[in-house]
N, C-alpha and C. Protein backbone atom coordinates (compact mmCIF):
# COMPACT_ATOMS: atom_id res chain seq x y z
N MET A 1 75.83 150.41 100.51
CA MET A 1 75.54 151.30 101.57
C MET A 1 76.92 151.55 102.82
N PRO A 2 78.29 151.16 103.20
CA PRO A 2 79.13 151.28 104.04
C PRO A 2 78.46 151.32 105.84
N ILE A 3 78.35 151.25 106.42
CA ILE A 3 77.63 151.32 107.69
C ILE A 3 79.29 151.49 109.01
N THR A 4 78.66 152.71 109.86
CA THR A 4 79.62 152.84 111.01
C THR A 4 79.17 151.40 111.81
N PRO A 5 80.28 151.16 112.96
CA PRO A 5 80.33 149.83 113.71
C PRO A 5 79.14 150.90 114.80
N GLU A 6 78.67 152.08 114.47
CA GLU A 6 78.16 153.07 116.15
C GLU A 6 77.17 152.45 114.98
N ALA A 7 76.91 152.84 113.81
CA ALA A 7 74.42 152.48 113.56
C ALA A 7 74.92 151.10 113.10
N ALA A 8 75.63 150.09 113.20
CA ALA A 8 75.29 149.25 113.24
C ALA A 8 74.50 148.86 114.37
N SER A 9 75.57 148.94 116.04
CA SER A 9 74.60 148.83 117.02
C SER A 9 73.90 149.52 117.27
N ALA A 10 73.36 151.55 116.49
CA ALA A 10 72.06 151.50 116.70
C ALA A 10 70.59 150.87 116.18
N GLU A 11 71.18 150.43 115.33
CA GLU A 11 70.24 148.85 114.04
C GLU A 11 69.44 147.88 115.25
N ALA A 12 70.80 147.26 115.54
CA ALA A 12 70.98 146.09 116.63
C ALA A 12 70.11 147.04 117.78
N GLU A 13 70.31 147.59 117.93
CA GLU A 13 69.63 147.40 119.63
C GLU A 13 67.83 147.33 119.43
N ARG A 14 67.76 149.35 118.34
CA ARG A 14 66.63 149.06 117.52
C ARG A 14 65.39 147.70 117.11
N LEU A 15 66.68 146.84 116.90
CA LEU A 15 65.71 145.42 116.60
C LEU A 15 65.53 144.57 117.83
N CYS A 16 66.62 144.88 118.76
CA CYS A 16 66.79 144.18 119.95
C CYS A 16 65.23 144.71 120.80
N ARG A 17 65.15 145.69 120.61
CA ARG A 17 64.76 146.14 121.81
C ARG A 17 63.19 146.21 121.61
N THR A 18 62.62 144.87 119.98
CA THR A 18 60.72 145.78 119.41
C THR A 18 60.46 144.47 119.69
N ALA A 19 60.67 143.23 120.66
CA ALA A 19 60.22 142.09 121.20
C ALA A 19 61.20 141.96 122.12
N PRO A 20 60.81 141.09 122.82
CA PRO A 20 61.88 139.75 124.10
C PRO A 20 62.59 138.63 123.89
N VAL A 21 61.98 138.06 122.38
CA VAL A 21 63.02 136.90 121.78
C VAL A 21 62.73 137.03 119.98
N ILE A 22 63.45 136.81 119.79
CA ILE A 22 64.91 136.57 118.26
C ILE A 22 65.04 135.57 118.12
N PRO A 23 63.17 134.96 117.38
CA PRO A 23 63.28 133.43 117.31
C PRO A 23 64.49 132.97 117.02
N VAL A 24 65.61 132.31 116.09
CA VAL A 24 66.69 131.81 116.09
C VAL A 24 65.88 129.95 115.05
N ILE A 25 65.49 131.07 114.10
CA ILE A 25 65.23 129.77 112.37
C ILE A 25 66.09 129.23 111.78
N THR A 26 65.90 127.37 111.47
CA THR A 26 66.75 127.35 110.58
C THR A 26 65.64 126.42 109.48
N VAL A 27 65.33 126.74 108.73
CA VAL A 27 64.85 126.01 107.87
C VAL A 27 65.74 124.68 106.88
N HIS A 28 64.94 123.95 106.78
CA HIS A 28 64.61 122.88 105.56
C HIS A 28 63.95 122.71 104.46
N ASP A 29 63.45 123.23 103.89
CA ASP A 29 62.41 123.23 103.05
C ASP A 29 62.13 124.50 103.17
N PRO A 30 62.02 124.97 101.82
CA PRO A 30 61.80 126.47 101.80
C PRO A 30 60.66 127.22 101.78
N ALA A 31 59.79 125.52 101.55
CA ALA A 31 58.12 126.07 101.71
C ALA A 31 57.51 126.71 102.62
N HIS A 32 58.76 125.73 103.45
CA HIS A 32 57.95 126.22 104.74
C HIS A 32 58.57 127.47 105.71
N ALA A 33 59.18 128.40 104.50
CA ALA A 33 58.94 129.70 105.36
C ALA A 33 58.83 130.85 105.72
N ARG A 34 57.98 131.05 104.08
CA ARG A 34 56.27 132.20 104.54
C ARG A 34 55.02 132.22 105.66
N PRO A 35 54.68 130.88 105.42
CA PRO A 35 53.71 130.41 106.30
C PRO A 35 54.85 130.43 107.60
N LEU A 36 55.77 129.88 108.77
CA LEU A 36 56.22 129.94 109.49
C LEU A 36 56.58 131.39 109.85
N ALA A 37 57.45 132.49 109.40
CA ALA A 37 57.29 134.03 109.24
C ALA A 37 55.80 134.50 109.74
N GLU A 38 54.42 133.76 109.16
CA GLU A 38 53.68 135.19 109.01
C GLU A 38 52.79 134.33 110.03
N ALA A 39 53.26 132.55 111.14
CA ALA A 39 52.88 133.65 112.58
C ALA A 39 54.07 133.43 113.29
N LEU A 40 55.24 133.47 113.07
CA LEU A 40 56.00 134.19 114.30
C LEU A 40 56.23 136.13 113.91
N VAL A 41 55.51 136.30 113.44
CA VAL A 41 55.18 137.44 112.97
C VAL A 41 54.03 137.66 113.43
N ALA A 42 52.43 137.31 112.60
CA ALA A 42 51.53 136.55 113.73
C ALA A 42 51.23 137.26 114.74
N GLY A 43 52.23 135.97 116.40
CA GLY A 43 52.40 135.70 116.54
C GLY A 43 52.85 137.36 118.15
N GLY A 44 52.93 138.72 117.31
CA GLY A 44 54.55 138.94 118.11
C GLY A 44 55.30 139.47 117.87
N LEU A 45 56.49 138.38 117.18
CA LEU A 45 57.85 138.52 117.13
C LEU A 45 58.38 138.52 115.33
N PRO A 46 58.66 139.86 115.86
CA PRO A 46 58.92 139.94 114.29
C PRO A 46 60.34 140.06 113.58
N VAL A 47 61.20 139.76 114.22
CA VAL A 47 62.56 139.68 113.80
C VAL A 47 62.04 138.71 113.58
N LEU A 48 63.58 138.40 113.09
CA LEU A 48 63.25 137.34 113.30
C LEU A 48 64.96 137.17 111.95
N GLU A 49 65.97 135.57 113.17
CA GLU A 49 67.43 135.47 112.03
C GLU A 49 66.75 133.49 111.53
N VAL A 50 67.72 133.92 111.00
CA VAL A 50 67.84 132.51 109.96
C VAL A 50 69.09 132.40 109.77
N THR A 51 69.07 130.76 110.53
CA THR A 51 70.76 130.80 110.39
C THR A 51 71.53 130.12 108.36
N LEU A 52 72.40 129.89 108.69
CA LEU A 52 72.63 129.67 107.35
C LEU A 52 73.45 128.89 107.40
N ARG A 53 72.53 127.44 107.12
CA ARG A 53 73.71 125.55 108.38
C ARG A 53 72.76 124.80 107.63
N THR A 54 71.66 125.22 106.52
CA THR A 54 71.33 124.40 105.12
C THR A 54 71.08 124.63 104.48
N PRO A 55 71.16 124.33 103.41
CA PRO A 55 71.14 124.40 101.99
C PRO A 55 69.83 125.52 101.29
N ALA A 56 69.00 125.52 102.09
CA ALA A 56 67.54 125.88 101.98
C ALA A 56 67.63 127.36 102.15
N ALA A 57 68.64 127.82 103.43
CA ALA A 57 68.28 129.15 104.48
C ALA A 57 68.14 130.43 102.83
N LEU A 58 69.37 130.58 102.43
CA LEU A 58 69.73 131.65 101.37
C LEU A 58 67.72 132.21 100.41
N GLU A 59 66.90 130.77 100.27
CA GLU A 59 65.97 130.92 99.64
C GLU A 59 64.17 130.84 100.60
N ALA A 60 65.49 130.42 101.99
CA ALA A 60 63.90 131.53 103.00
C ALA A 60 63.73 132.25 103.37
N ILE A 61 65.03 133.11 103.74
CA ILE A 61 65.64 134.55 103.50
C ILE A 61 64.50 135.17 102.57
N ARG A 62 64.83 134.97 101.14
CA ARG A 62 63.69 135.57 100.53
C ARG A 62 62.21 135.54 100.36
N GLU A 63 62.12 134.31 100.96
CA GLU A 63 60.25 133.88 101.56
C GLU A 63 60.40 134.70 102.14
N MET A 64 61.30 134.37 103.47
CA MET A 64 60.71 135.87 105.26
C MET A 64 60.55 137.23 104.40
N ALA A 65 62.05 137.94 103.78
CA ALA A 65 61.65 139.17 103.06
C ALA A 65 60.81 139.88 102.89
N ALA A 66 59.53 138.30 102.75
CA ALA A 66 58.49 139.15 101.44
C ALA A 66 57.30 139.97 103.11
N VAL A 67 57.12 138.96 103.80
CA VAL A 67 56.06 138.88 104.70
C VAL A 67 55.75 140.36 105.55
N GLN A 68 55.03 140.65 105.03
CA GLN A 68 54.97 142.15 105.64
C GLN A 68 54.61 142.05 107.22
N GLY A 69 55.73 143.16 107.95
CA GLY A 69 55.20 143.27 109.48
C GLY A 69 56.81 142.52 109.54
N GLY A 70 57.79 141.50 109.12
CA GLY A 70 59.26 141.28 109.36
C GLY A 70 59.98 142.07 109.14
N PHE A 71 61.42 141.51 110.22
CA PHE A 71 62.05 142.32 110.00
C PHE A 71 63.52 140.46 110.28
N VAL A 72 64.00 140.74 108.94
CA VAL A 72 64.99 138.79 108.46
C VAL A 72 66.02 139.32 108.39
N GLY A 73 66.97 138.44 109.25
CA GLY A 73 68.23 138.72 109.28
C GLY A 73 68.64 136.95 108.91
N ALA A 74 69.62 137.49 108.29
CA ALA A 74 71.02 135.49 108.55
C ALA A 74 71.11 135.40 110.24
N GLY A 75 71.89 134.02 110.13
CA GLY A 75 72.21 134.06 111.48
C GLY A 75 73.56 133.33 111.16
N THR A 76 73.81 132.46 111.72
CA THR A 76 75.86 131.80 111.18
C THR A 76 76.44 132.41 110.18
N ILE A 77 76.28 134.00 110.15
CA ILE A 77 78.03 134.54 109.29
C ILE A 77 79.06 134.25 110.39
N LEU A 78 79.60 133.80 108.92
CA LEU A 78 81.35 133.10 109.47
C LEU A 78 81.84 133.60 108.42
N THR A 79 81.27 134.19 107.41
CA THR A 79 82.45 134.73 106.36
C THR A 79 81.59 136.24 105.33
N PRO A 80 82.43 136.74 105.00
CA PRO A 80 82.76 137.93 104.21
C PRO A 80 81.55 137.63 102.80
N GLN A 81 82.25 135.94 102.26
CA GLN A 81 80.59 135.58 100.91
C GLN A 81 79.46 135.45 102.15
N ASN A 82 79.76 134.92 102.50
CA ASN A 82 77.80 134.39 103.46
C ASN A 82 77.69 136.39 103.62
N ILE A 83 78.64 137.29 103.64
CA ILE A 83 77.31 138.45 104.37
C ILE A 83 77.12 139.21 102.45
N ASP A 84 77.27 139.08 101.42
CA ASP A 84 76.94 139.30 99.87
C ASP A 84 75.84 137.92 99.78
N ASP A 85 76.14 137.20 99.98
CA ASP A 85 75.26 135.61 100.50
C ASP A 85 73.63 137.01 100.49
N ALA A 86 73.78 137.26 101.83
CA ALA A 86 72.97 137.31 103.28
C ALA A 86 72.20 138.66 102.71
N LEU A 87 73.09 139.60 101.55
CA LEU A 87 72.01 141.12 101.77
C LEU A 87 70.86 140.24 100.38
N ALA A 88 72.34 139.93 99.05
CA ALA A 88 71.46 139.28 98.00
C ALA A 88 70.43 138.76 97.70
N ALA A 89 70.07 137.85 99.56
CA ALA A 89 68.92 137.22 99.96
C ALA A 89 67.66 137.94 100.73
N GLY A 90 68.14 139.41 100.54
CA GLY A 90 67.22 140.38 100.99
C GLY A 90 67.56 140.03 102.59
N ALA A 91 68.31 140.09 103.38
CA ALA A 91 68.55 140.29 104.56
C ALA A 91 69.03 141.54 104.80
N THR A 92 67.98 142.65 106.27
CA THR A 92 68.52 143.54 106.57
C THR A 92 69.25 144.09 108.16
N PHE A 93 70.00 142.17 108.27
CA PHE A 93 71.25 142.39 109.52
C PHE A 93 71.37 141.44 109.75
N GLY A 94 72.11 140.65 110.45
CA GLY A 94 73.38 140.03 110.55
C GLY A 94 73.88 139.57 111.97
N VAL A 95 73.75 138.33 112.29
CA VAL A 95 74.01 137.01 113.28
C VAL A 95 75.36 136.72 113.48
N SER A 96 76.63 136.89 114.37
CA SER A 96 78.09 136.19 113.64
C SER A 96 77.52 135.52 115.51
N PRO A 97 78.42 133.68 115.35
CA PRO A 97 78.38 133.29 116.50
C PRO A 97 80.11 134.26 117.20
N GLY A 98 80.31 135.05 116.81
CA GLY A 98 82.07 135.49 117.21
C GLY A 98 82.08 136.51 116.70
N ALA A 99 82.57 136.89 116.51
CA ALA A 99 83.95 138.37 115.82
C ALA A 99 85.28 137.69 115.13
N THR A 100 85.59 138.50 114.38
CA THR A 100 87.28 138.87 113.00
C THR A 100 87.13 139.99 112.43
N ASP A 101 88.30 140.89 112.38
CA ASP A 101 88.57 142.25 111.48
C ASP A 101 88.24 141.53 110.51
N ARG A 102 88.23 140.49 110.01
CA ARG A 102 88.03 140.31 107.95
C ARG A 102 86.48 139.98 108.15
N LEU A 103 85.58 139.39 109.60
CA LEU A 103 84.02 139.75 109.05
C LEU A 103 83.80 140.96 109.45
N LEU A 104 83.82 141.73 110.69
CA LEU A 104 83.28 142.98 110.13
C LEU A 104 83.62 143.93 109.55
N ASP A 105 84.23 143.93 109.04
CA ASP A 105 84.85 144.87 107.84
C ASP A 105 83.78 144.26 106.44
N ALA A 106 84.09 143.49 106.28
CA ALA A 106 82.92 142.78 105.51
C ALA A 106 82.23 144.32 105.59
N ALA A 107 81.10 143.46 107.06
CA ALA A 107 79.99 144.07 107.06
C ALA A 107 79.85 145.10 106.87
N GLU A 108 80.28 146.30 107.48
CA GLU A 108 80.73 147.59 107.63
C GLU A 108 80.24 148.00 105.50
N ALA A 109 81.66 147.86 104.84
CA ALA A 109 82.31 148.11 103.42
C ALA A 109 79.94 147.77 102.91
N ALA A 110 80.15 146.04 102.90
CA ALA A 110 78.50 146.39 102.65
C ALA A 110 77.38 147.10 103.83
N GLY A 111 77.18 147.41 104.60
CA GLY A 111 76.54 148.27 104.92
C GLY A 111 75.42 146.82 105.71
N LEU A 112 76.25 145.67 105.64
CA LEU A 112 75.22 144.67 106.90
C LEU A 112 75.07 145.35 108.42
N PRO A 113 73.87 145.62 108.69
CA PRO A 113 74.35 145.49 110.61
C PRO A 113 74.80 144.06 111.19
N MET A 114 75.42 143.99 112.14
CA MET A 114 75.37 143.01 112.57
C MET A 114 75.70 143.36 114.02
N LEU A 115 75.03 141.71 114.60
CA LEU A 115 74.67 141.53 115.74
C LEU A 115 76.63 141.07 116.44
N PRO A 116 77.40 141.08 116.89
CA PRO A 116 78.71 140.26 116.60
C PRO A 116 78.51 139.69 117.48
N GLY A 117 79.11 138.11 118.33
CA GLY A 117 79.54 137.16 119.06
C GLY A 117 80.32 137.31 120.66
N ALA A 118 79.74 137.86 120.90
CA ALA A 118 81.04 137.32 122.61
C ALA A 118 80.41 136.73 123.48
N ALA A 119 81.89 136.34 124.03
CA ALA A 119 81.10 135.14 125.20
C ALA A 119 82.63 135.44 125.76
N THR A 120 83.41 135.88 126.14
CA THR A 120 83.98 136.76 127.28
C THR A 120 84.47 137.98 127.27
N ALA A 121 85.10 138.23 128.42
CA ALA A 121 85.19 140.66 128.57
C ALA A 121 86.41 140.57 128.02
N SER A 122 86.99 139.90 127.65
CA SER A 122 87.94 140.36 126.38
C SER A 122 87.46 140.71 124.96
N GLU A 123 86.91 139.70 125.22
CA GLU A 123 86.15 139.80 123.68
C GLU A 123 84.63 140.97 123.42
N ALA A 124 84.21 141.05 123.88
CA ALA A 124 83.48 141.86 123.97
C ALA A 124 84.07 143.71 124.65
N MET A 125 84.65 143.73 125.10
CA MET A 125 85.76 144.57 125.25
C MET A 125 86.48 145.51 123.87
N ARG A 126 86.92 144.41 123.54
CA ARG A 126 87.57 144.63 121.93
C ARG A 126 86.74 144.95 120.50
N LEU A 127 85.37 144.44 121.21
CA LEU A 127 83.84 144.84 120.20
C LEU A 127 83.63 146.23 120.46
N LEU A 128 83.11 146.37 121.79
CA LEU A 128 83.05 147.50 122.07
C LEU A 128 84.21 149.12 122.07
N GLU A 129 85.22 148.47 122.05
CA GLU A 129 86.21 149.81 121.30
C GLU A 129 85.93 149.21 120.05
N ARG A 130 85.91 149.52 119.27
CA ARG A 130 85.13 149.12 117.73
C ARG A 130 84.49 149.69 117.79
N GLY A 131 83.24 149.98 118.59
CA GLY A 131 82.05 150.29 117.90
C GLY A 131 81.09 150.04 118.12
N TYR A 132 80.57 148.30 118.57
CA TYR A 132 80.03 147.20 118.87
C TYR A 132 78.89 147.65 120.27
N ARG A 133 77.88 148.37 120.68
CA ARG A 133 78.05 148.41 122.06
C ARG A 133 76.17 147.32 122.40
N VAL A 134 75.97 146.77 120.97
CA VAL A 134 75.10 145.96 121.41
C VAL A 134 76.12 144.21 120.61
N GLN A 135 75.98 143.47 121.24
CA GLN A 135 76.59 142.53 121.07
C GLN A 135 75.68 141.11 121.48
N LYS A 136 75.62 140.44 120.63
CA LYS A 136 75.56 138.29 121.19
C LYS A 136 75.86 137.96 122.14
N PHE A 137 75.36 137.57 123.31
CA PHE A 137 76.09 136.94 124.07
C PHE A 137 76.37 135.15 123.32
N PHE A 138 77.30 134.45 123.79
CA PHE A 138 76.80 133.06 122.67
C PHE A 138 78.49 132.43 123.17
N PRO A 139 78.16 131.05 123.58
CA PRO A 139 76.63 130.06 123.30
C PRO A 139 76.96 131.02 125.04
N ALA A 140 75.30 131.77 125.19
CA ALA A 140 74.93 131.72 126.95
C ALA A 140 75.00 130.50 128.02
N GLU A 141 74.03 130.03 127.44
CA GLU A 141 74.09 128.76 129.51
C GLU A 141 75.45 128.38 129.63
N ALA A 142 76.56 127.93 128.38
CA ALA A 142 78.03 127.67 127.96
C ALA A 142 78.28 128.61 128.39
N SER A 143 78.71 129.69 128.46
CA SER A 143 79.99 130.59 128.91
C SER A 143 78.99 131.04 130.25
N GLY A 144 79.10 130.56 131.19
CA GLY A 144 78.22 130.96 132.45
C GLY A 144 77.08 131.47 132.57
N GLY A 145 76.68 132.00 131.88
CA GLY A 145 74.36 132.02 131.84
C GLY A 145 74.27 133.44 132.19
N VAL A 146 72.92 133.91 133.46
CA VAL A 146 73.16 134.46 133.68
C VAL A 146 74.46 135.41 134.43
N PRO A 147 74.58 134.09 136.14
CA PRO A 147 75.68 135.17 136.98
C PRO A 147 77.33 135.62 135.91
N ALA A 148 77.23 134.56 134.68
CA ALA A 148 77.82 135.48 134.33
C ALA A 148 78.16 136.96 133.43
N LEU A 149 76.81 136.94 132.87
CA LEU A 149 76.32 138.39 132.19
C LEU A 149 76.28 139.28 133.66
N LYS A 150 75.28 138.92 134.40
CA LYS A 150 75.51 140.38 135.78
C LYS A 150 77.21 140.22 136.83
N SER A 151 78.20 139.68 136.50
CA SER A 151 79.65 139.63 136.43
C SER A 151 80.13 140.76 135.11
N ILE A 152 79.71 141.04 134.34
CA ILE A 152 80.51 141.73 132.79
C ILE A 152 79.87 143.13 133.58
N ALA A 153 78.40 142.97 133.56
CA ALA A 153 77.45 143.89 133.54
C ALA A 153 78.42 144.82 134.85
N ALA A 154 78.54 144.21 136.04
CA ALA A 154 79.34 145.46 136.81
C ALA A 154 80.00 146.92 136.05
N PRO A 155 81.78 146.35 135.64
CA PRO A 155 82.56 146.92 134.77
C PRO A 155 82.45 146.81 133.33
N ILE A 156 81.78 146.85 132.64
CA ILE A 156 81.59 146.80 131.69
C ILE A 156 79.42 146.92 131.85
N PRO A 157 79.26 148.39 132.42
CA PRO A 157 77.32 148.27 132.19
C PRO A 157 77.30 148.32 130.93
N GLN A 158 78.10 149.73 129.28
CA GLN A 158 77.11 149.41 129.14
C GLN A 158 77.05 149.36 127.41
N ILE A 159 77.13 148.51 127.55
CA ILE A 159 77.01 147.20 126.43
C ILE A 159 75.79 146.41 127.24
N LEU A 160 74.62 145.50 125.67
CA LEU A 160 73.86 145.01 126.21
C LEU A 160 73.75 143.51 124.68
N PHE A 161 73.18 142.64 125.78
CA PHE A 161 73.64 141.99 125.10
C PHE A 161 71.90 141.35 124.34
N CYS A 162 72.49 139.84 123.69
CA CYS A 162 71.23 139.09 123.57
C CYS A 162 71.54 138.47 123.29
N PRO A 163 71.97 137.50 124.78
CA PRO A 163 71.84 136.33 125.74
C PRO A 163 71.30 134.96 124.19
N THR A 164 72.19 134.42 123.42
CA THR A 164 71.73 132.86 123.21
C THR A 164 72.53 131.92 123.27
N GLY A 165 71.39 130.39 123.53
CA GLY A 165 72.49 129.47 123.29
C GLY A 165 72.59 129.12 125.05
N GLY A 166 71.03 127.98 124.37
CA GLY A 166 70.41 127.49 125.77
C GLY A 166 69.74 128.64 126.17
N VAL A 167 68.59 129.21 125.85
CA VAL A 167 67.88 130.05 126.37
C VAL A 167 65.72 129.58 125.91
N SER A 168 65.59 129.18 127.39
CA SER A 168 64.85 128.53 127.07
C SER A 168 63.22 129.36 128.24
N MET A 169 62.31 128.67 127.73
CA MET A 169 61.42 129.32 128.46
C MET A 169 61.01 128.92 129.62
N ALA A 170 62.40 127.85 130.21
CA ALA A 170 62.87 127.53 131.78
C ALA A 170 64.05 128.37 132.75
N ASN A 171 64.20 129.34 131.39
CA ASN A 171 65.52 129.89 132.20
C ASN A 171 65.45 131.94 131.04
N VAL A 172 63.96 131.94 130.89
CA VAL A 172 63.60 133.27 129.63
C VAL A 172 64.23 134.71 131.10
N ARG A 173 62.63 134.46 132.35
CA ARG A 173 62.36 135.19 132.27
C ARG A 173 64.09 135.64 133.13
N ASP A 174 64.21 134.47 133.76
CA ASP A 174 66.22 135.36 134.51
C ASP A 174 67.28 136.61 133.66
N TYR A 175 67.08 136.04 132.24
CA TYR A 175 68.40 136.67 131.54
C TYR A 175 67.88 138.14 131.27
N LEU A 176 65.70 137.64 130.57
CA LEU A 176 65.35 138.94 130.44
C LEU A 176 65.18 140.00 132.13
N ALA A 177 65.41 139.98 132.98
CA ALA A 177 64.73 141.17 133.82
C ALA A 177 66.41 141.24 134.85
N LEU A 178 67.83 141.50 133.89
CA LEU A 178 68.75 141.29 133.37
C LEU A 178 69.32 143.28 132.78
N PRO A 179 70.14 143.95 133.62
CA PRO A 179 70.36 145.15 133.37
C PRO A 179 70.18 145.19 131.48
N ASN A 180 71.54 144.47 131.82
CA ASN A 180 73.15 144.56 130.22
C ASN A 180 71.89 143.28 129.24
N THR A 181 70.47 142.63 129.94
CA THR A 181 70.21 142.28 128.62
C THR A 181 69.13 142.83 127.43
N ALA A 182 69.08 143.16 125.87
CA ALA A 182 68.61 143.92 125.11
C ALA A 182 66.78 143.54 124.70
N CYS A 183 67.87 141.32 124.53
CA CYS A 183 66.40 141.00 124.06
C CYS A 183 66.90 139.45 124.12
N VAL A 184 66.58 137.85 124.32
CA VAL A 184 66.57 137.20 123.97
C VAL A 184 66.86 136.47 122.51
N GLY A 185 67.52 135.85 122.37
CA GLY A 185 67.43 134.80 121.04
C GLY A 185 67.04 132.90 121.33
N GLY A 186 66.14 132.71 120.40
CA GLY A 186 65.62 131.43 121.41
C GLY A 186 64.89 130.77 119.64
N SER A 187 65.49 129.12 119.89
CA SER A 187 65.12 128.50 118.57
C SER A 187 64.04 128.26 119.30
N TRP A 188 62.95 127.31 120.77
CA TRP A 188 61.93 127.05 121.24
C TRP A 188 60.74 127.48 120.64
N VAL A 189 60.81 128.78 120.29
CA VAL A 189 59.24 129.40 119.91
C VAL A 189 59.31 128.70 118.39
N CYS A 190 60.25 128.39 117.55
CA CYS A 190 59.70 127.66 116.90
C CYS A 190 60.65 125.91 116.14
N PRO A 191 59.49 124.61 116.63
CA PRO A 191 60.12 123.71 116.81
C PRO A 191 60.87 123.16 115.77
N GLU A 192 62.04 122.29 115.20
CA GLU A 192 61.60 121.81 114.57
C GLU A 192 60.28 120.84 114.26
N LYS A 193 60.09 119.89 114.38
CA LYS A 193 59.01 119.11 114.96
C LYS A 193 57.52 119.89 114.20
N LEU A 194 57.39 121.03 115.20
CA LEU A 194 56.05 122.12 114.78
C LEU A 194 56.36 122.65 113.35
N ILE A 195 58.17 122.66 112.45
CA ILE A 195 57.08 123.32 111.07
C ILE A 195 58.00 121.94 110.92
N ALA A 196 57.74 120.58 110.84
CA ALA A 196 58.40 119.47 109.86
C ALA A 196 56.18 119.78 109.95
N ALA A 197 55.78 119.44 110.71
CA ALA A 197 53.89 119.55 110.55
C ALA A 197 53.75 120.36 110.11
N GLY A 198 54.22 121.99 110.12
CA GLY A 198 53.39 122.42 109.15
C GLY A 198 52.57 122.91 110.63
N ASP A 199 52.46 122.96 111.71
CA ASP A 199 52.07 123.22 113.03
C ASP A 199 51.84 125.14 112.67
N TRP A 200 51.52 125.73 112.31
CA TRP A 200 51.58 127.48 111.93
C TRP A 200 51.08 127.82 112.71
N GLN A 201 49.43 126.91 113.31
CA GLN A 201 48.94 127.55 114.97
C GLN A 201 49.79 126.76 116.47
N GLY A 202 50.15 126.78 115.86
CA GLY A 202 51.36 126.01 117.39
C GLY A 202 51.75 126.40 117.48
N ILE A 203 53.09 126.91 116.57
CA ILE A 203 54.01 127.80 116.49
C ILE A 203 54.06 129.69 116.61
N GLU A 204 53.12 130.15 116.21
CA GLU A 204 51.87 131.50 116.57
C GLU A 204 51.92 131.91 118.28
N THR A 205 51.39 130.28 118.93
CA THR A 205 50.43 130.10 120.06
C THR A 205 52.06 130.61 121.24
N LEU A 206 53.12 130.30 120.42
CA LEU A 206 55.00 129.83 121.11
C LEU A 206 55.21 130.88 121.53
N ALA A 207 54.71 131.76 120.09
CA ALA A 207 54.82 132.56 119.77
C ALA A 207 54.53 133.87 120.88
N ARG A 208 53.38 133.53 121.12
CA ARG A 208 52.99 134.97 122.00
C ARG A 208 52.63 134.86 123.10
N GLU A 209 52.87 133.20 123.45
CA GLU A 209 53.80 133.24 124.52
C GLU A 209 54.93 133.86 125.18
N ALA A 210 55.96 134.07 123.98
CA ALA A 210 57.30 135.02 124.12
C ALA A 210 57.29 136.15 124.07
N ALA A 211 56.48 136.54 123.10
CA ALA A 211 56.18 138.22 123.49
C ALA A 211 55.43 138.33 124.19
N GLY A 212 55.25 138.52 125.14
CA GLY A 212 53.94 138.46 126.60
C GLY A 212 55.47 137.85 127.28
N LEU A 213 56.56 137.94 127.41
CA LEU A 213 57.56 138.16 128.10
C LEU A 213 57.93 139.89 128.54
N ALA A 214 57.28 140.64 128.09
CA ALA A 214 58.36 141.75 127.65
C ALA A 214 56.40 142.91 129.54
N ALA A 215 56.02 141.89 128.96
CA ALA A 215 54.39 142.44 130.37
C ALA A 215 55.64 142.86 131.68
């Protein structure tokens, strides 16, 4: 069922308000997907972004979609085919590093809520003009980080961002303190070293620490 940009942004805001951090996940082995999702959800981070960067990504989305209490989306969406594949795998939202009209047309037609990426005021304004009030700020640190978002907030306060790229426990509180930041995206809560080791308790502990940032 098609979706409007306004409805897509409303859903993106709901997801971004669910927890202070959206884990950005890269899965190499589908067998890791379900226990990883269970650990993150148990730790208080139910909104999960699986990047479409590995052959295992779509199977990982299928496995994670079965975890109760989780909301699984596909990241690194670049093409209309990515949108079709993500939906078929069970993704309920999509995240892109940038945005093109072709990509957004396809997402809206397919009914996939998108968190589209912007790195400049012009890109953010163009998305806002289309109806996307909630956006991904990427790459956050390389694009100016907290000072850049503060500057954008002054003339365009109605846009909410999910900064991603270079966000870590060292700077996350500075991002979350900004009025135009709804949440952040980060991979530090599910490091590949812990995933490879099957250290689900360690990942749950990191997730709890991140979820506690909302307090």
